[in-house]
Structure formats: structure tokens, C-alpha cells
Amino acid sequence: MSFSTIEFYPGPRVASIVLNRPPMNVINVEMLNELHGAWDEVEGLQTQVVVISGAGGTAFSTGVDIADHMPDRIEQSLKKFHELILRMRRSDCITIAAVHGHTLGGGAELAMMCDFIIAADDTRIGQPEIALACYPPVAAAHLPSAIGLHNASEIVLLGEPLDAIRAERLGLVNRVVPRAELDAAVDSYVDKLLTKSSVALALAKRALRDAVGDQFENALARSERMYLTELVKSDDMVEGVRAFLEKRPPSWKNS
């Protein structure tokens, strides 16, 4: 498969996926299809470690294309994105997100589904969807158990991004390093993982996921269903998306 929105460097031990739509590396349907294609190869090779990063100096990713949030397009985009999230979560390979700059919306959700997040010190991570009268289904399903309900509420309900140090203190990222040292820090994690038994790593990852059972997957299914059956039908969500695309303040009907 050829790729135009990502760079993919496959390998049986280490693979690299680079989101490649700079400056913001916005995730559109084409990118989602290519990410699924890359993941097909990852699974076929039984890759041990996958590193996901973003091209350019501005952003890891600012999330799913806002235009794809319109009612006639959101279901396809949302389902493809959630299918990718679940494939990553269920995979035996170990995933590392190397984030920098703007890491927002679906970009933040993609990163938080990785087993490790290594963040450059210029990272701003968050879920701004509430400003568009939307909410982030993956983050809403994952964050309460990962960092606690009150911290999750701050991120999802206020929609304000966190700096890298605050994110590290909350346990949202594993480590913060200077931007110039991000690649070296990620390589250090990869090197350590490759000294471990791939069988033991896979089983240990399963054990960690089993610790919360089906809690995340059930929560995500409920969150997605509510998003598509209730939120998408609201006047405010349509207004929020249109206002963003038209670069004007929203006028909420249901405020």
C-alpha cells in the first residue's frame, strides 16, 4: 500500500508511523485509511514496538478534521477512528507516542492509546472539542480511570490544553524532555524494550489491559452511541462546527 498522508517504516522489531500532513497533521479519512493499512502490516509482521510521531515542528496532531464533524460525515470518520483505537489497544505490540507541539483532540486521543507517551517540553496536550459543542469519546472513556475523574473533568469540560509538565504530573505522559532530545529519549525506551522477551511483553500488556477488563471498550461504545444518536442531532454541535469553519464566534441555541 502506498501512503500520502503518513510515512511508514515497517519492521519486525521496530516500526515507525509518522503523521505527515504538516503543519498540524490533521487526521482526515484518507489518513485513517492509511493508518489502518499500516496497522495491517504491523500485525502481519508481528512487530514488537511501534513509534508514532508527527511531521514538522508545530504539532504531533491537532486531531480529526473539523469538516469531518458535520452530521453527514461524522459517523464514517468516528467509526474508522475508534476502530483504529481498538486495534491499537488490543494489539500485542508495544506502542510509543513521541509528541511535540500541539497534541489536541483526536491527536491527543491517539497518543493516549499508546503504551508510552514521551513528550517534548513544547507539548500542549488537551481536548478542545467542548468549544465546538462536541466531546471526545475516547478521552471520555479513558481518562477517568487513567488520571481520576476530577482531572478528566477539567480536561474534557473546560477544553483547555495542558503544558507538558502538568500532563506529566497528572500521569498523562510518561516523560518530558527538551524538544531536541525527543528522538533520543524515544530511542532509549525502544532499546530497553528490545532487550525484553517479546512473548513476556505481549502477555504483560494483555495483563495490564485485562486489569480494567472491558471497562474502556464498553465505555467507548456507550460514548460513541451517545455522540451519534444525541450530540450529532443537536443544533449546537452543527453551529459549533460551522462557526469554526467560518472563523466566527458560535451562537448557541441551547445555552
Protein backbone atom coordinates (compact mmCIF):
# COMPACT_ATOMS: atom_id res chain seq x y z
CA MET A 1 0.00 0.00 0.00
CA SER A 2 1.30 3.47 -0.88
CA PHE A 3 0.97 6.32 1.59
CA SER A 4 0.48 10.05 1.06
CA THR A 5 -0.69 11.29 4.48
CA ILE A 6 1.67 9.23 6.64
CA GLU A 7 5.22 7.95 6.43
CA PHE A 8 5.51 4.29 7.34
CA TYR A 9 8.74 2.45 8.04
CA PRO A 10 7.87 -1.21 8.73
CA GLY A 11 9.98 -3.75 10.52
CA PRO A 12 9.56 -6.96 12.52
CA ARG A 13 11.20 -5.46 15.59
CA VAL A 14 10.53 -1.72 15.32
CA ALA A 15 8.15 0.17 13.02
CA SER A 16 7.66 3.91 12.71
CA ILE A 17 4.49 5.75 11.71
CA VAL A 18 4.77 9.48 11.07
CA LEU A 19 1.61 11.56 10.70
CA ASN A 20 2.54 13.59 7.65
CA ARG A 21 0.15 16.45 6.99
CA PRO A 22 2.13 19.36 8.41
CA PRO A 23 1.90 21.85 9.89
CA MET A 24 -0.95 20.47 12.04
CA ASN A 25 -1.08 16.82 10.89
CA VAL A 26 -4.88 16.90 10.85
CA ILE A 27 -6.39 13.40 10.73
CA ASN A 28 -8.78 13.03 7.78
CA VAL A 29 -10.49 9.94 6.39
CA GLU A 30 -7.64 9.33 3.96
CA MET A 31 -5.14 9.32 6.82
CA LEU A 32 -7.35 6.97 8.83
CA ASN A 33 -7.45 4.54 5.90
CA GLU A 34 -3.66 4.72 5.61
CA LEU A 35 -3.20 4.22 9.35
CA HIS A 36 -5.35 1.09 9.11
CA GLY A 37 -3.23 -0.07 6.17
CA ALA A 38 -0.03 0.47 8.13
CA TRP A 39 -1.50 -1.38 11.08
CA ASP A 40 -2.32 -4.32 8.79
CA GLU A 41 1.40 -4.54 8.03
CA VAL A 42 2.34 -4.14 11.69
CA GLU A 43 0.10 -7.08 12.56
CA GLY A 44 1.35 -9.14 9.61
CA LEU A 45 4.97 -8.66 10.66
CA GLN A 46 4.14 -9.15 14.35
CA THR A 47 6.14 -6.02 15.05
CA GLN A 48 7.37 -5.70 18.63
CA VAL A 49 7.46 -1.90 19.01
CA VAL A 50 5.69 0.85 17.05
CA VAL A 51 6.64 4.51 17.39
CA ILE A 52 4.06 7.11 16.32
CA SER A 53 5.15 10.72 15.75
CA GLY A 54 4.17 13.82 13.82
CA ALA A 55 5.97 15.54 10.95
CA GLY A 56 7.12 19.15 11.18
CA GLY A 57 7.89 21.33 14.15
CA THR A 58 4.42 22.60 15.02
CA ALA A 59 2.27 19.67 16.06
CA PHE A 60 2.00 15.97 16.72
CA SER A 61 -1.61 16.32 15.54
CA THR A 62 -4.46 18.71 16.18
CA GLY A 63 -6.96 15.91 15.71
CA VAL A 64 -9.67 14.81 13.34
CA ASP A 65 -10.56 17.21 10.52
CA ILE A 66 -13.25 19.60 11.78
CA ALA A 67 -15.04 19.38 8.42
CA ASP A 68 -15.50 15.65 9.08
CA HIS A 69 -17.55 16.52 12.18
CA MET A 70 -20.55 17.62 10.12
CA PRO A 71 -23.58 15.30 10.58
CA ASP A 72 -23.34 13.81 7.07
CA ARG A 73 -19.68 12.82 7.57
CA ILE A 74 -19.07 12.26 11.27
CA GLU A 75 -20.25 8.65 11.52
CA GLN A 76 -17.75 7.32 8.97
CA SER A 77 -14.89 9.33 10.45
CA LEU A 78 -15.72 8.48 14.07
CA LYS A 79 -16.12 4.77 13.46
CA LYS A 80 -12.88 4.49 11.47
CA PHE A 81 -11.03 6.35 14.22
CA HIS A 82 -12.48 4.21 17.00
CA GLU A 83 -11.72 1.02 15.07
CA LEU A 84 -8.08 2.14 14.89
CA ILE A 85 -8.04 2.95 18.61
CA LEU A 86 -9.37 -0.51 19.46
CA ARG A 87 -6.89 -2.24 17.13
CA MET A 88 -4.03 -0.45 18.87
CA ARG A 89 -5.39 -1.25 22.31
CA ARG A 90 -5.89 -4.95 21.52
CA SER A 91 -2.54 -5.38 19.76
CA ASP A 92 0.32 -7.25 21.40
CA CYS A 93 2.89 -4.79 20.05
CA ILE A 94 4.12 -2.05 22.35
CA THR A 95 3.30 1.47 21.17
CA ILE A 96 5.14 4.69 21.92
CA ALA A 97 3.79 8.15 21.08
CA ALA A 98 6.50 10.76 20.56
CA VAL A 99 4.58 14.02 20.87
CA HIS A 100 5.51 17.65 20.45
CA GLY A 101 3.78 20.97 19.98
CA HIS A 102 0.00 20.90 19.57
CA THR A 103 -1.34 17.48 20.60
CA LEU A 104 -5.06 18.05 20.60
CA GLY A 105 -8.42 16.38 20.10
CA GLY A 106 -8.09 13.11 18.22
CA GLY A 107 -4.33 13.61 18.18
CA ALA A 108 -4.27 13.53 21.98
CA GLU A 109 -6.62 10.52 21.96
CA LEU A 110 -4.35 8.67 19.53
CA ALA A 111 -1.37 9.37 21.77
CA MET A 112 -3.13 8.31 24.98
CA MET A 113 -3.95 4.91 23.48
CA CYS A 114 -0.23 4.20 23.21
CA ASP A 115 1.53 2.31 25.99
CA PHE A 116 4.01 5.16 26.50
CA ILE A 117 3.87 8.88 25.77
CA ILE A 118 7.19 10.72 25.58
CA ALA A 119 6.58 14.47 25.30
CA ALA A 120 8.78 17.32 24.18
CA ASP A 121 8.75 20.26 26.56
CA ASP A 122 6.86 22.38 23.99
CA THR A 123 3.88 20.00 24.04
CA ARG A 124 0.39 21.36 24.65
CA ILE A 125 -1.98 18.43 25.10
CA GLY A 126 -5.73 18.60 25.50
CA GLN A 127 -9.28 18.05 24.34
CA PRO A 128 -10.74 21.32 22.98
CA GLU A 129 -13.84 19.69 21.46
CA ILE A 130 -16.21 21.23 24.03
CA ALA A 131 -15.63 24.65 22.41
CA LEU A 132 -17.37 23.27 19.31
CA ALA A 133 -20.24 21.77 21.35
CA CYS A 134 -18.65 18.34 20.90
CA TYR A 135 -16.89 15.99 23.29
CA PRO A 136 -14.03 13.47 22.85
CA PRO A 137 -15.43 9.91 23.11
CA VAL A 138 -12.06 8.16 23.52
CA ALA A 139 -10.81 10.60 26.16
CA ALA A 140 -14.15 10.47 27.99
CA ALA A 141 -13.90 6.67 28.13
CA HIS A 142 -10.21 6.51 29.04
CA LEU A 143 -9.26 9.47 31.23
CA PRO A 144 -11.41 8.97 34.36
CA SER A 145 -9.72 5.65 35.15
CA ALA A 146 -6.31 6.82 33.94
CA ILE A 147 -5.95 10.13 35.79
CA GLY A 148 -9.04 10.38 38.00
CA LEU A 149 -12.49 11.84 37.47
CA HIS A 150 -11.73 15.40 38.55
CA ASN A 151 -8.64 15.74 36.37
CA ALA A 152 -10.52 14.15 33.47
CA SER A 153 -13.39 16.59 34.02
CA GLU A 154 -11.01 19.54 33.84
CA ILE A 155 -9.56 18.35 30.55
CA VAL A 156 -12.85 17.38 28.87
CA LEU A 157 -15.26 20.00 30.26
CA LEU A 158 -13.00 23.05 30.17
CA GLY A 159 -11.23 22.08 26.96
CA GLU A 160 -8.05 23.95 27.87
CA PRO A 161 -4.75 22.31 26.90
CA LEU A 162 -2.16 21.36 29.50
CA ASP A 163 1.53 22.06 29.24
CA ALA A 164 3.88 19.11 29.23
CA ILE A 165 4.93 19.40 32.88
CA ARG A 166 1.33 19.46 34.14
CA ALA A 167 0.50 16.50 31.91
CA GLU A 168 3.44 14.58 33.38
CA ARG A 169 2.34 15.39 36.94
CA LEU A 170 -1.14 14.05 36.20
CA GLY A 171 0.30 10.84 34.76
CA LEU A 172 -0.96 11.66 31.28
CA VAL A 173 2.56 11.38 29.83
CA ASN A 174 5.48 9.26 30.97
CA ARG A 175 8.35 11.67 30.50
CA VAL A 176 9.04 15.22 29.37
CA VAL A 177 12.32 16.08 27.63
CA PRO A 178 13.72 19.08 25.76
CA ARG A 179 12.49 19.17 22.16
CA ALA A 180 15.98 18.49 20.82
CA GLU A 181 16.22 15.32 22.93
CA LEU A 182 12.86 13.78 21.99
CA ASP A 183 14.20 11.32 19.43
CA ALA A 184 16.99 10.17 21.75
CA ALA A 185 14.53 9.68 24.63
CA VAL A 186 12.23 7.59 22.44
CA ASP A 187 15.20 5.54 21.19
CA SER A 188 16.15 4.87 24.81
CA TYR A 189 12.69 3.43 25.51
CA VAL A 190 12.81 1.35 22.32
CA ASP A 191 16.27 -0.01 23.19
CA LYS A 192 15.12 -1.03 26.66
CA LEU A 193 12.00 -2.74 25.30
CA LEU A 194 14.01 -4.70 22.72
CA THR A 195 16.11 -6.29 25.49
CA LYS A 196 12.93 -7.85 26.90
CA SER A 197 11.22 -11.07 25.82
CA SER A 198 8.65 -10.23 23.13
CA VAL A 199 6.41 -13.00 24.48
CA ALA A 200 6.60 -11.65 28.02
CA LEU A 201 5.95 -8.09 26.83
CA ALA A 202 2.87 -9.16 24.88
CA LEU A 203 1.47 -11.12 27.82
CA ALA A 204 2.28 -8.34 30.27
CA LYS A 205 0.46 -5.83 28.03
CA ARG A 206 -2.57 -8.15 27.93
CA ALA A 207 -2.47 -8.45 31.71
CA LEU A 208 -2.43 -4.66 32.07
CA ARG A 209 -5.39 -4.31 29.72
CA ASP A 210 -7.24 -7.14 31.46
CA ALA A 211 -6.86 -5.28 34.75
CA VAL A 212 -9.65 -2.97 33.64
CA GLY A 213 -11.48 -5.71 31.74
CA ASP A 214 -13.97 -4.42 29.18
CA GLN A 215 -14.44 -1.15 31.04
CA PHE A 216 -12.82 1.00 28.35
CA GLU A 217 -14.38 -0.77 25.38
CA ASN A 218 -17.86 -0.68 26.91
CA ALA A 219 -17.42 2.97 27.87
CA LEU A 220 -16.24 3.84 24.36
CA ALA A 221 -19.19 2.02 22.78
CA ARG A 222 -21.61 3.95 25.01
CA SER A 223 -19.79 7.22 24.37
CA GLU A 224 -19.85 6.70 20.60
CA ARG A 225 -23.52 5.77 20.63
CA MET A 226 -24.46 8.89 22.62
CA TYR A 227 -22.32 11.03 20.32
CA LEU A 228 -24.02 9.73 17.16
CA THR A 229 -27.60 9.44 18.41
CA GLU A 230 -27.83 12.55 20.58
CA LEU A 231 -24.98 15.02 20.17
CA VAL A 232 -24.87 14.96 16.36
CA LYS A 233 -28.58 15.80 16.27
CA SER A 234 -28.15 18.90 18.43
CA ASP A 235 -28.30 22.36 16.86
CA ASP A 236 -25.34 23.45 18.96
CA MET A 237 -22.92 20.89 17.53
CA VAL A 238 -23.74 21.90 13.97
CA GLU A 239 -23.40 25.56 14.94
CA GLY A 240 -20.09 24.93 16.69
CA VAL A 241 -18.55 23.20 13.69
CA ARG A 242 -19.88 25.77 11.23
CA ALA A 243 -18.66 28.65 13.38
CA PHE A 244 -15.17 27.14 13.50
CA LEU A 245 -15.08 26.61 9.72
CA GLU A 246 -16.43 30.12 9.12
CA LYS A 247 -13.98 31.61 11.65
CA ARG A 248 -16.63 33.34 13.77
CA PRO A 249 -17.88 33.06 17.37
CA PRO A 250 -20.63 30.45 17.83
CA SER A 251 -24.16 31.41 18.74
CA TRP A 252 -25.51 28.64 20.98
CA LYS A 253 -29.21 27.86 20.68
CA ASN A 254 -29.29 25.51 23.65
CA SER A 255 -27.32 27.66 26.10
